[in-house]
Amino acid sequence: MEEIKILVFALVSFLSTEDIPIGSKLAEIDINVKTKQIRLHQYDIYSLEQYKENAKAGLDTLMRTNDVIQDLSPISMTSKHIYEEDGKLNAILYLQYQDLKDLRKISFYADEAGNLSYPYLEDYRYDLSAGRIDGRYVHFDANQNVQFRMGRKEYLFKGMYNLAGEWKQLEDKKFMDISETFSKEDFEKLRKFIFKNGDRKTYRNFDNDNPHYSFETFDVYLGTGKQPLAFNTKRIRNKDYTELVIHDQQYYNVYLISEGKQNKRHTNLKTDKVYWHNRSFNKDDKLKEYLSQILEEINQ
């Protein structure tokens, strides 16, 4: 019998073949049948107290993982976002599929007319924005986006353990001090250089209209990393731009730590130091090469 991919366990079952003792209390899925994109949001990720150490090791592995397991192919993961909010750990997986039949890999079934269905499990509650339940399946009409929430009706285990603290410890390790390679003074000099010689270009709608400069083989952007300033560039002072984004085939996020948001959330970071947020645990060879090119050009 084919294993049902229960959505509240997707962070583990989609990304790992290991038996990692991690689940979530609630999962929300949005399947866009036109763009063939899937957004899977898991809320309040937890383990059980007796499995705490195994869960932390497993969470570390999941944070380093950048694609779904081979069994889900041709479904692929375009990105993931694990974050803490109000003391709870959450995760979003962004997936892409090619054909409706691919959704069978995550336990959705399509009939010849294109109607989708997902197993109805008695131990779980379903909150539907559209669709209907017939006792065995949750059904969705053809050409209709799939949106629903799924959560356990009641928690049968005592000693549920919130993993937000473990995630923060692991996340802190991703910030690598690169001040010896690229100092506070270097960061500030580059910032002035971009404002003098660059232009404005939006690479994300978080800051909007970001200061930008094109080097020979890569682009650099300045960001604030502060949501209250989003979409209002008139309120942003030059010194508020404490985030440097280097973009080639991927993004490298570098931060100048000043008194403010970053070192309040990550207390291990020191003021007036420059850190690389190495989200995917990559090697730093390419970043060092780019920083060297930056220094060479701005010091001419």
C-alpha atoms as a PDB file:
ATOM      1  CA  MET A   1       0.000   0.000   0.000  1.00  0.00           C
ATOM      2  CA  GLU A   2       1.343   3.400  -0.986  1.00  0.00           C
ATOM      3  CA  GLU A   3       2.380   5.609   1.924  1.00  0.00           C
ATOM      4  CA  ILE A   4       0.228   8.695   2.417  1.00  0.00           C
ATOM      5  CA  LYS A   5       2.230  11.923   2.560  1.00  0.00           C
ATOM      6  CA  ILE A   6       0.579  13.607   5.545  1.00  0.00           C
ATOM      7  CA  LEU A   7       1.113  17.336   5.097  1.00  0.00           C
ATOM      8  CA  VAL A   8       1.906  18.146   8.737  1.00  0.00           C
ATOM      9  CA  PHE A   9       5.036  15.980   8.358  1.00  0.00           C
ATOM     10  CA  ALA A  10       6.050  17.336   4.937  1.00  0.00           C
ATOM     11  CA  LEU A  11       9.236  19.086   6.099  1.00  0.00           C
ATOM     12  CA  VAL A  12      10.639  15.644   6.890  1.00  0.00           C
ATOM     13  CA  SER A  13       8.908  13.373   4.369  1.00  0.00           C
ATOM     14  CA  PHE A  14       9.531  15.704   1.411  1.00  0.00           C
ATOM     15  CA  LEU A  15      13.179  16.496   2.208  1.00  0.00           C
ATOM     16  CA  SER A  16      14.600  13.384   3.863  1.00  0.00           C
ATOM     17  CA  THR A  17      14.504   9.599   3.765  1.00  0.00           C
ATOM     18  CA  GLU A  18      15.607   9.488   7.410  1.00  0.00           C
ATOM     19  CA  ASP A  19      13.262   8.873  10.336  1.00  0.00           C
ATOM     20  CA  ILE A  20      13.420  12.372  11.863  1.00  0.00           C
ATOM     21  CA  PRO A  21      11.058  12.895  14.850  1.00  0.00           C
ATOM     22  CA  ILE A  22       9.649  16.250  13.722  1.00  0.00           C
ATOM     23  CA  GLY A  23       6.099  17.284  12.833  1.00  0.00           C
ATOM     24  CA  SER A  24       3.914  20.380  12.792  1.00  0.00           C
ATOM     25  CA  LYS A  25       0.596  21.100  14.464  1.00  0.00           C
ATOM     26  CA  LEU A  26      -0.945  22.618  11.351  1.00  0.00           C
ATOM     27  CA  ALA A  27      -0.212  22.574   7.607  1.00  0.00           C
ATOM     28  CA  GLU A  28      -1.641  24.783   4.875  1.00  0.00           C
ATOM     29  CA  ILE A  29      -1.287  23.934   1.182  1.00  0.00           C
ATOM     30  CA  ASP A  30      -1.956  26.056  -1.887  1.00  0.00           C
ATOM     31  CA  ILE A  31      -1.672  24.387  -5.316  1.00  0.00           C
ATOM     32  CA  ASN A  32      -1.922  26.791  -8.251  1.00  0.00           C
ATOM     33  CA  VAL A  33      -3.009  24.663 -11.214  1.00  0.00           C
ATOM     34  CA  LYS A  34      -2.167  27.420 -13.727  1.00  0.00           C
ATOM     35  CA  THR A  35       1.412  28.140 -12.636  1.00  0.00           C
ATOM     36  CA  LYS A  36       1.937  24.565 -11.350  1.00  0.00           C
ATOM     37  CA  GLN A  37       3.365  25.950  -8.136  1.00  0.00           C
ATOM     38  CA  ILE A  38       2.822  24.553  -4.647  1.00  0.00           C
ATOM     39  CA  ARG A  39       3.143  26.541  -1.440  1.00  0.00           C
ATOM     40  CA  LEU A  40       3.166  24.380   1.681  1.00  0.00           C
ATOM     41  CA  HIS A  41       3.178  26.229   5.000  1.00  0.00           C
ATOM     42  CA  GLN A  42       3.769  24.330   8.258  1.00  0.00           C
ATOM     43  CA  TYR A  43       2.996  26.000  11.584  1.00  0.00           C
ATOM     44  CA  ASP A  44       4.336  25.281  15.073  1.00  0.00           C
ATOM     45  CA  ILE A  45       6.966  22.657  14.310  1.00  0.00           C
ATOM     46  CA  TYR A  46       7.617  20.357  17.253  1.00  0.00           C
ATOM     47  CA  SER A  47       9.124  17.115  18.486  1.00  0.00           C
ATOM     48  CA  LEU A  48       8.669  15.090  21.662  1.00  0.00           C
ATOM     49  CA  GLU A  49      10.832  15.659  24.714  1.00  0.00           C
ATOM     50  CA  GLN A  50      12.347  12.170  24.636  1.00  0.00           C
ATOM     51  CA  TYR A  51      13.492  12.683  21.019  1.00  0.00           C
ATOM     52  CA  LYS A  52      14.910  16.178  21.529  1.00  0.00           C
ATOM     53  CA  GLU A  53      18.521  15.415  20.557  1.00  0.00           C
ATOM     54  CA  ASN A  54      17.541  13.422  17.467  1.00  0.00           C
ATOM     55  CA  ALA A  55      15.158  16.194  16.462  1.00  0.00           C
ATOM     56  CA  LYS A  56      17.869  18.862  16.724  1.00  0.00           C
ATOM     57  CA  ALA A  57      20.266  16.812  14.582  1.00  0.00           C
ATOM     58  CA  GLY A  58      17.481  16.194  12.080  1.00  0.00           C
ATOM     59  CA  LEU A  59      16.548  19.877  11.979  1.00  0.00           C
ATOM     60  CA  ASP A  60      20.179  20.710  11.213  1.00  0.00           C
ATOM     61  CA  THR A  61      20.052  18.310   8.253  1.00  0.00           C
ATOM     62  CA  LEU A  62      16.765  19.742   6.981  1.00  0.00           C
ATOM     63  CA  MET A  63      18.121  23.300   7.156  1.00  0.00           C
ATOM     64  CA  ARG A  64      21.025  22.240   4.917  1.00  0.00           C
ATOM     65  CA  THR A  65      18.809  20.459   2.383  1.00  0.00           C
ATOM     66  CA  ASN A  66      18.051  22.309  -0.852  1.00  0.00           C
ATOM     67  CA  ASP A  67      15.828  19.884  -2.765  1.00  0.00           C
ATOM     68  CA  VAL A  68      13.168  17.254  -2.249  1.00  0.00           C
ATOM     69  CA  ILE A  69      13.950  13.538  -2.119  1.00  0.00           C
ATOM     70  CA  GLN A  70      14.380  11.647  -5.383  1.00  0.00           C
ATOM     71  CA  ASP A  71      11.095   9.773  -4.885  1.00  0.00           C
ATOM     72  CA  LEU A  72       9.170  13.035  -5.426  1.00  0.00           C
ATOM     73  CA  SER A  73      10.730  13.706  -8.845  1.00  0.00           C
ATOM     74  CA  PRO A  74       9.743  15.434 -11.138  1.00  0.00           C
ATOM     75  CA  ILE A  75       8.417  17.681  -8.364  1.00  0.00           C
ATOM     76  CA  SER A  76      11.213  20.049  -7.347  1.00  0.00           C
ATOM     77  CA  MET A  77      11.726  22.598  -4.585  1.00  0.00           C
ATOM     78  CA  THR A  78      12.364  26.153  -5.749  1.00  0.00           C
ATOM     79  CA  SER A  79      13.005  27.461  -2.227  1.00  0.00           C
ATOM     80  CA  LYS A  80      12.264  26.971   1.452  1.00  0.00           C
ATOM     81  CA  HIS A  81      11.959  29.347   4.378  1.00  0.00           C
ATOM     82  CA  ILE A  82      12.243  28.235   8.009  1.00  0.00           C
ATOM     83  CA  TYR A  83      11.518  30.985  10.506  1.00  0.00           C
ATOM     84  CA  GLU A  84      10.473  31.753  14.072  1.00  0.00           C
ATOM     85  CA  GLU A  85       7.437  33.857  14.919  1.00  0.00           C
ATOM     86  CA  ASP A  86       5.964  34.484  18.360  1.00  0.00           C
ATOM     87  CA  GLY A  87       8.171  31.778  19.847  1.00  0.00           C
ATOM     88  CA  LYS A  88       7.030  29.108  17.387  1.00  0.00           C
ATOM     89  CA  LEU A  89       8.960  27.528  14.528  1.00  0.00           C
ATOM     90  CA  ASN A  90       7.346  27.525  11.083  1.00  0.00           C
ATOM     91  CA  ALA A  91       8.421  26.518   7.582  1.00  0.00           C
ATOM     92  CA  ILE A  92       7.343  27.236   4.008  1.00  0.00           C
ATOM     93  CA  LEU A  93       8.236  24.979   1.089  1.00  0.00           C
ATOM     94  CA  TYR A  94       7.866  26.317  -2.458  1.00  0.00           C
ATOM     95  CA  LEU A  95       7.543  23.483  -4.975  1.00  0.00           C
ATOM     96  CA  GLN A  96       7.082  23.159  -8.717  1.00  0.00           C
ATOM     97  CA  TYR A  97       5.422  20.316 -10.634  1.00  0.00           C
ATOM     98  CA  GLN A  98       5.079  19.609 -14.365  1.00  0.00           C
ATOM     99  CA  ASP A  99       1.829  17.688 -14.725  1.00  0.00           C
ATOM    100  CA  LEU A 100      -1.175  16.917 -12.504  1.00  0.00           C
ATOM    101  CA  LYS A 101      -0.166  13.263 -12.376  1.00  0.00           C
ATOM    102  CA  ASP A 102       3.063  14.353 -10.614  1.00  0.00           C
ATOM    103  CA  LEU A 103       0.966  15.281  -7.570  1.00  0.00           C
ATOM    104  CA  ARG A 104       0.480  11.582  -6.872  1.00  0.00           C
ATOM    105  CA  LYS A 105       3.986  11.756  -5.385  1.00  0.00           C
ATOM    106  CA  ILE A 106       2.538  13.856  -2.547  1.00  0.00           C
ATOM    107  CA  SER A 107      -0.662  11.759  -2.271  1.00  0.00           C
ATOM    108  CA  PHE A 108      -2.941  13.833  -4.509  1.00  0.00           C
ATOM    109  CA  TYR A 109      -4.797  11.924  -7.219  1.00  0.00           C
ATOM    110  CA  ALA A 110      -6.113  13.263 -10.538  1.00  0.00           C
ATOM    111  CA  ASP A 111      -8.859  11.622 -12.595  1.00  0.00           C
ATOM    112  CA  GLU A 112      -9.176  11.861 -16.378  1.00  0.00           C
ATOM    113  CA  ALA A 113     -11.146  15.096 -16.078  1.00  0.00           C
ATOM    114  CA  GLY A 114      -8.424  16.726 -13.978  1.00  0.00           C
ATOM    115  CA  ASN A 115     -10.293  16.619 -10.665  1.00  0.00           C
ATOM    116  CA  LEU A 116      -7.897  16.314  -7.723  1.00  0.00           C
ATOM    117  CA  SER A 117      -8.462  14.443  -4.468  1.00  0.00           C
ATOM    118  CA  TYR A 118      -6.527  13.950  -1.241  1.00  0.00           C
ATOM    119  CA  PRO A 119      -7.084  11.212   1.381  1.00  0.00           C
ATOM    120  CA  TYR A 120      -9.423  12.048   4.245  1.00  0.00           C
ATOM    121  CA  LEU A 121      -7.912  10.838   7.531  1.00  0.00           C
ATOM    122  CA  GLU A 122     -10.173  10.528  10.577  1.00  0.00           C
ATOM    123  CA  ASP A 123      -7.530  11.729  13.052  1.00  0.00           C
ATOM    124  CA  TYR A 124      -7.148  15.058  11.245  1.00  0.00           C
ATOM    125  CA  ARG A 125      -9.359  18.089  10.791  1.00  0.00           C
ATOM    126  CA  TYR A 126      -9.645  19.840   7.418  1.00  0.00           C
ATOM    127  CA  ASP A 127     -10.432  23.508   6.868  1.00  0.00           C
ATOM    128  CA  LEU A 128     -11.444  23.928   3.213  1.00  0.00           C
ATOM    129  CA  SER A 129     -11.722  27.155   1.233  1.00  0.00           C
ATOM    130  CA  ALA A 130     -13.180  25.044  -1.595  1.00  0.00           C
ATOM    131  CA  GLY A 131     -13.808  21.363  -2.187  1.00  0.00           C
ATOM    132  CA  ARG A 132     -15.896  18.675  -0.517  1.00  0.00           C
ATOM    133  CA  ILE A 133     -15.381  15.628   1.682  1.00  0.00           C
ATOM    134  CA  ASP A 134     -17.072  12.308   0.886  1.00  0.00           C
ATOM    135  CA  GLY A 135     -15.764  10.271   3.824  1.00  0.00           C
ATOM    136  CA  ARG A 136     -12.696   8.807   2.114  1.00  0.00           C
ATOM    137  CA  TYR A 137     -11.310  11.733   0.127  1.00  0.00           C
ATOM    138  CA  VAL A 138     -11.291  15.494  -0.059  1.00  0.00           C
ATOM    139  CA  HIS A 139     -12.282  16.374  -3.643  1.00  0.00           C
ATOM    140  CA  PHE A 140     -11.418  19.458  -5.677  1.00  0.00           C
ATOM    141  CA  ASP A 141     -12.907  20.356  -9.059  1.00  0.00           C
ATOM    142  CA  ALA A 142     -10.828  20.436 -12.252  1.00  0.00           C
ATOM    143  CA  ASN A 143      -9.030  23.710 -13.033  1.00  0.00           C
ATOM    144  CA  GLN A 144      -9.622  24.878  -9.473  1.00  0.00           C
ATOM    145  CA  ASN A 145      -6.764  25.867  -7.195  1.00  0.00           C
ATOM    146  CA  VAL A 146      -6.400  23.622  -4.166  1.00  0.00           C
ATOM    147  CA  GLN A 147      -6.334  25.384  -0.809  1.00  0.00           C
ATOM    148  CA  PHE A 148      -6.914  23.846   2.591  1.00  0.00           C
ATOM    149  CA  ARG A 149      -5.531  23.470   6.097  1.00  0.00           C
ATOM    150  CA  MET A 150      -4.896  20.194   7.850  1.00  0.00           C
ATOM    151  CA  GLY A 151      -4.194  19.596  11.538  1.00  0.00           C
ATOM    152  CA  ARG A 152      -4.491  16.810  14.082  1.00  0.00           C
ATOM    153  CA  LYS A 153      -7.825  16.772  15.899  1.00  0.00           C
ATOM    154  CA  GLU A 154      -6.153  16.226  19.239  1.00  0.00           C
ATOM    155  CA  TYR A 155      -2.613  15.631  20.371  1.00  0.00           C
ATOM    156  CA  LEU A 156      -2.232  12.163  21.826  1.00  0.00           C
ATOM    157  CA  PHE A 157       1.279  12.631  23.179  1.00  0.00           C
ATOM    158  CA  LYS A 158       2.465  14.457  26.250  1.00  0.00           C
ATOM    159  CA  GLY A 159       5.790  16.258  26.349  1.00  0.00           C
ATOM    160  CA  MET A 160       5.575  18.061  23.017  1.00  0.00           C
ATOM    161  CA  TYR A 161       8.752  20.062  22.522  1.00  0.00           C
ATOM    162  CA  ASN A 162       8.906  23.398  20.658  1.00  0.00           C
ATOM    163  CA  LEU A 163      11.923  23.491  18.312  1.00  0.00           C
ATOM    164  CA  ALA A 164      12.221  27.294  17.957  1.00  0.00           C
ATOM    165  CA  GLY A 165      15.142  27.453  20.406  1.00  0.00           C
ATOM    166  CA  GLU A 166      17.065  24.724  18.595  1.00  0.00           C
ATOM    167  CA  TRP A 167      16.480  26.441  15.258  1.00  0.00           C
ATOM    168  CA  LYS A 168      17.845  29.745  16.591  1.00  0.00           C
ATOM    169  CA  GLN A 169      21.035  28.050  17.835  1.00  0.00           C
ATOM    170  CA  LEU A 170      21.544  26.427  14.434  1.00  0.00           C
ATOM    171  CA  GLU A 171      20.674  29.629  12.564  1.00  0.00           C
ATOM    172  CA  ASP A 172      23.220  31.619  14.579  1.00  0.00           C
ATOM    173  CA  LYS A 173      25.949  29.296  13.288  1.00  0.00           C
ATOM    174  CA  LYS A 174      25.159  30.412   9.732  1.00  0.00           C
ATOM    175  CA  PHE A 175      26.456  33.921  10.447  1.00  0.00           C
ATOM    176  CA  MET A 176      30.163  33.863   9.622  1.00  0.00           C
ATOM    177  CA  ASP A 177      32.373  36.781  10.700  1.00  0.00           C
ATOM    178  CA  ILE A 178      34.188  38.020   7.571  1.00  0.00           C
ATOM    179  CA  SER A 179      35.428  41.307   9.063  1.00  0.00           C
ATOM    180  CA  GLU A 180      39.071  40.428   8.426  1.00  0.00           C
ATOM    181  CA  THR A 181      38.315  40.033   4.724  1.00  0.00           C
ATOM    182  CA  PHE A 182      35.762  42.841   4.441  1.00  0.00           C
ATOM    183  CA  SER A 183      35.703  45.282   7.353  1.00  0.00           C
ATOM    184  CA  LYS A 184      33.175  47.817   8.588  1.00  0.00           C
ATOM    185  CA  GLU A 185      35.223  50.517   6.873  1.00  0.00           C
ATOM    186  CA  ASP A 186      35.167  48.549   3.616  1.00  0.00           C
ATOM    187  CA  PHE A 187      31.391  48.141   3.873  1.00  0.00           C
ATOM    188  CA  GLU A 188      30.885  51.878   4.471  1.00  0.00           C
ATOM    189  CA  LYS A 189      33.225  52.771   1.605  1.00  0.00           C
ATOM    190  CA  LEU A 190      31.332  50.479  -0.773  1.00  0.00           C
ATOM    191  CA  ARG A 191      28.048  51.994   0.369  1.00  0.00           C
ATOM    192  CA  LYS A 192      29.282  55.495  -0.516  1.00  0.00           C
ATOM    193  CA  PHE A 193      30.634  54.174  -3.829  1.00  0.00           C
ATOM    194  CA  ILE A 194      27.256  52.698  -4.786  1.00  0.00           C
ATOM    195  CA  PHE A 195      25.381  55.894  -3.930  1.00  0.00           C
ATOM    196  CA  LYS A 196      27.848  57.937  -6.000  1.00  0.00           C
ATOM    197  CA  ASN A 197      28.298  55.660  -9.018  1.00  0.00           C
ATOM    198  CA  GLY A 198      25.328  53.293  -9.045  1.00  0.00           C
ATOM    199  CA  ASP A 199      21.642  53.436  -9.856  1.00  0.00           C
ATOM    200  CA  ARG A 200      18.384  52.131  -8.390  1.00  0.00           C
ATOM    201  CA  LYS A 201      17.053  48.685  -9.154  1.00  0.00           C
ATOM    202  CA  THR A 202      14.609  46.475  -7.253  1.00  0.00           C
ATOM    203  CA  TYR A 203      15.765  42.911  -6.651  1.00  0.00           C
ATOM    204  CA  ARG A 204      13.014  42.234  -4.108  1.00  0.00           C
ATOM    205  CA  ASN A 205       9.900  44.134  -3.099  1.00  0.00           C
ATOM    206  CA  PHE A 206      10.950  44.177   0.530  1.00  0.00           C
ATOM    207  CA  ASP A 207      12.910  47.447   0.390  1.00  0.00           C
ATOM    208  CA  ASN A 208      11.848  48.592  -3.096  1.00  0.00           C
ATOM    209  CA  ASP A 209      14.080  50.609  -5.434  1.00  0.00           C
ATOM    210  CA  ASN A 210      17.366  49.339  -3.995  1.00  0.00           C
ATOM    211  CA  PRO A 211      20.716  51.108  -4.505  1.00  0.00           C
ATOM    212  CA  HIS A 212      22.518  48.997  -7.129  1.00  0.00           C
ATOM    213  CA  TYR A 213      25.839  48.726  -8.957  1.00  0.00           C
ATOM    214  CA  SER A 214      26.972  46.308 -11.665  1.00  0.00           C
ATOM    215  CA  PHE A 215      30.468  44.890 -11.438  1.00  0.00           C
ATOM    216  CA  GLU A 216      31.907  42.933 -14.358  1.00  0.00           C
ATOM    217  CA  THR A 217      30.619  39.473 -13.396  1.00  0.00           C
ATOM    218  CA  PHE A 218      28.071  40.181 -10.657  1.00  0.00           C
ATOM    219  CA  ASP A 219      25.648  42.771  -9.269  1.00  0.00           C
ATOM    220  CA  VAL A 220      25.458  44.285  -5.798  1.00  0.00           C
ATOM    221  CA  TYR A 221      22.423  45.714  -4.028  1.00  0.00           C
ATOM    222  CA  LEU A 222      21.972  47.499  -0.731  1.00  0.00           C
ATOM    223  CA  GLY A 223      19.090  46.582   1.555  1.00  0.00           C
ATOM    224  CA  THR A 224      17.851  47.601   4.982  1.00  0.00           C
ATOM    225  CA  GLY A 225      16.543  44.319   6.349  1.00  0.00           C
ATOM    226  CA  LYS A 226      13.905  46.382   8.195  1.00  0.00           C
ATOM    227  CA  GLN A 227      10.273  45.870   7.206  1.00  0.00           C
ATOM    228  CA  PRO A 228       8.902  49.175   8.604  1.00  0.00           C
ATOM    229  CA  LEU A 229      10.947  50.969   5.951  1.00  0.00           C
ATOM    230  CA  ALA A 230       9.620  48.899   3.061  1.00  0.00           C
ATOM    231  CA  PHE A 231       8.204  50.796   0.078  1.00  0.00           C
ATOM    232  CA  ASN A 232       9.110  54.182   1.584  1.00  0.00           C
ATOM    233  CA  THR A 233      12.580  55.099   0.388  1.00  0.00           C
ATOM    234  CA  LYS A 234      12.169  58.700   1.603  1.00  0.00           C
ATOM    235  CA  ARG A 235      12.378  57.451   5.195  1.00  0.00           C
ATOM    236  CA  ILE A 236      15.574  55.483   4.589  1.00  0.00           C
ATOM    237  CA  ARG A 237      18.850  57.157   5.473  1.00  0.00           C
ATOM    238  CA  ASN A 238      22.035  56.035   3.747  1.00  0.00           C
ATOM    239  CA  LYS A 239      23.326  54.523   6.976  1.00  0.00           C
ATOM    240  CA  ASP A 240      20.158  52.402   7.251  1.00  0.00           C
ATOM    241  CA  TYR A 241      21.475  50.280   4.389  1.00  0.00           C
ATOM    242  CA  THR A 242      23.328  47.663   6.420  1.00  0.00           C
ATOM    243  CA  GLU A 243      22.689  44.722   4.106  1.00  0.00           C
ATOM    244  CA  LEU A 244      24.797  43.992   1.030  1.00  0.00           C
ATOM    245  CA  VAL A 245      23.488  41.479  -1.497  1.00  0.00           C
ATOM    246  CA  ILE A 246      25.887  40.091  -4.097  1.00  0.00           C
ATOM    247  CA  HIS A 247      24.135  38.347  -6.973  1.00  0.00           C
ATOM    248  CA  ASP A 248      25.555  36.125  -9.683  1.00  0.00           C
ATOM    249  CA  GLN A 249      23.801  32.774 -10.125  1.00  0.00           C
ATOM    250  CA  GLN A 250      22.827  32.927  -6.453  1.00  0.00           C
ATOM    251  CA  TYR A 251      22.534  35.461  -3.648  1.00  0.00           C
ATOM    252  CA  TYR A 252      25.163  36.221  -0.998  1.00  0.00           C
ATOM    253  CA  ASN A 253      23.819  38.235   1.943  1.00  0.00           C
ATOM    254  CA  VAL A 254      26.379  40.253   3.911  1.00  0.00           C
ATOM    255  CA  TYR A 255      25.486  42.370   6.952  1.00  0.00           C
ATOM    256  CA  LEU A 256      27.138  45.226   8.773  1.00  0.00           C
ATOM    257  CA  ILE A 257      25.926  44.828  12.337  1.00  0.00           C
ATOM    258  CA  SER A 258      24.859  48.081  13.936  1.00  0.00           C
ATOM    259  CA  GLU A 259      22.704  48.741  16.968  1.00  0.00           C
ATOM    260  CA  GLY A 260      19.339  47.445  15.879  1.00  0.00           C
ATOM    261  CA  LYS A 261      17.396  44.534  14.543  1.00  0.00           C
ATOM    262  CA  GLN A 262      20.055  42.032  13.581  1.00  0.00           C
ATOM    263  CA  ASN A 263      21.966  41.824  16.848  1.00  0.00           C
ATOM    264  CA  LYS A 264      18.742  41.832  18.880  1.00  0.00           C
ATOM    265  CA  ARG A 265      17.562  38.685  17.120  1.00  0.00           C
ATOM    266  CA  HIS A 266      21.026  37.120  16.990  1.00  0.00           C
ATOM    267  CA  THR A 267      22.745  37.980  20.240  1.00  0.00           C
ATOM    268  CA  ASN A 268      25.964  36.237  19.206  1.00  0.00           C
ATOM    269  CA  LEU A 269      26.650  38.928  16.580  1.00  0.00           C
ATOM    270  CA  LYS A 270      28.933  41.790  17.549  1.00  0.00           C
ATOM    271  CA  THR A 271      28.345  45.433  16.701  1.00  0.00           C
ATOM    272  CA  ASP A 272      30.595  46.951  13.994  1.00  0.00           C
ATOM    273  CA  LYS A 273      31.426  43.519  12.590  1.00  0.00           C
ATOM    274  CA  VAL A 274      30.566  42.263   9.093  1.00  0.00           C
ATOM    275  CA  TYR A 275      28.892  38.855   8.729  1.00  0.00           C
ATOM    276  CA  TRP A 276      27.978  36.607   5.839  1.00  0.00           C
ATOM    277  CA  HIS A 277      24.634  34.874   6.363  1.00  0.00           C
ATOM    278  CA  ASN A 278      25.564  31.508   4.877  1.00  0.00           C
ATOM    279  CA  ARG A 279      22.052  30.104   4.571  1.00  0.00           C
ATOM    280  CA  SER A 280      23.026  26.986   2.618  1.00  0.00           C
ATOM    281  CA  PHE A 281      26.361  26.272   4.335  1.00  0.00           C
ATOM    282  CA  ASN A 282      28.285  26.958   1.113  1.00  0.00           C
ATOM    283  CA  LYS A 283      32.046  27.372   0.828  1.00  0.00           C
ATOM    284  CA  ASP A 284      33.231  30.974   0.917  1.00  0.00           C
ATOM    285  CA  ASP A 285      35.693  30.840  -2.017  1.00  0.00           C
ATOM    286  CA  LYS A 286      33.386  32.611  -4.473  1.00  0.00           C
ATOM    287  CA  LEU A 287      32.345  35.250  -1.952  1.00  0.00           C
ATOM    288  CA  LYS A 288      35.993  36.046  -1.150  1.00  0.00           C
ATOM    289  CA  GLU A 289      36.698  36.399  -4.867  1.00  0.00           C
ATOM    290  CA  TYR A 290      33.831  38.879  -5.270  1.00  0.00           C
ATOM    291  CA  LEU A 291      34.803  40.887  -2.199  1.00  0.00           C
ATOM    292  CA  SER A 292      38.358  41.109  -3.533  1.00  0.00           C
ATOM    293  CA  GLN A 293      37.061  42.470  -6.851  1.00  0.00           C
ATOM    294  CA  ILE A 294      34.888  44.984  -4.993  1.00  0.00           C
ATOM    295  CA  LEU A 295      37.819  46.258  -2.925  1.00  0.00           C
ATOM    296  CA  GLU A 296      40.035  46.510  -5.992  1.00  0.00           C
ATOM    297  CA  GLU A 297      37.514  48.675  -7.842  1.00  0.00           C
ATOM    298  CA  ILE A 298      36.424  50.973  -5.020  1.00  0.00           C
ATOM    299  CA  ASN A 299      40.038  51.618  -3.957  1.00  0.00           C
ATOM    300  CA  GLN A 300      41.193  52.764  -7.396  1.00  0.00           C
END
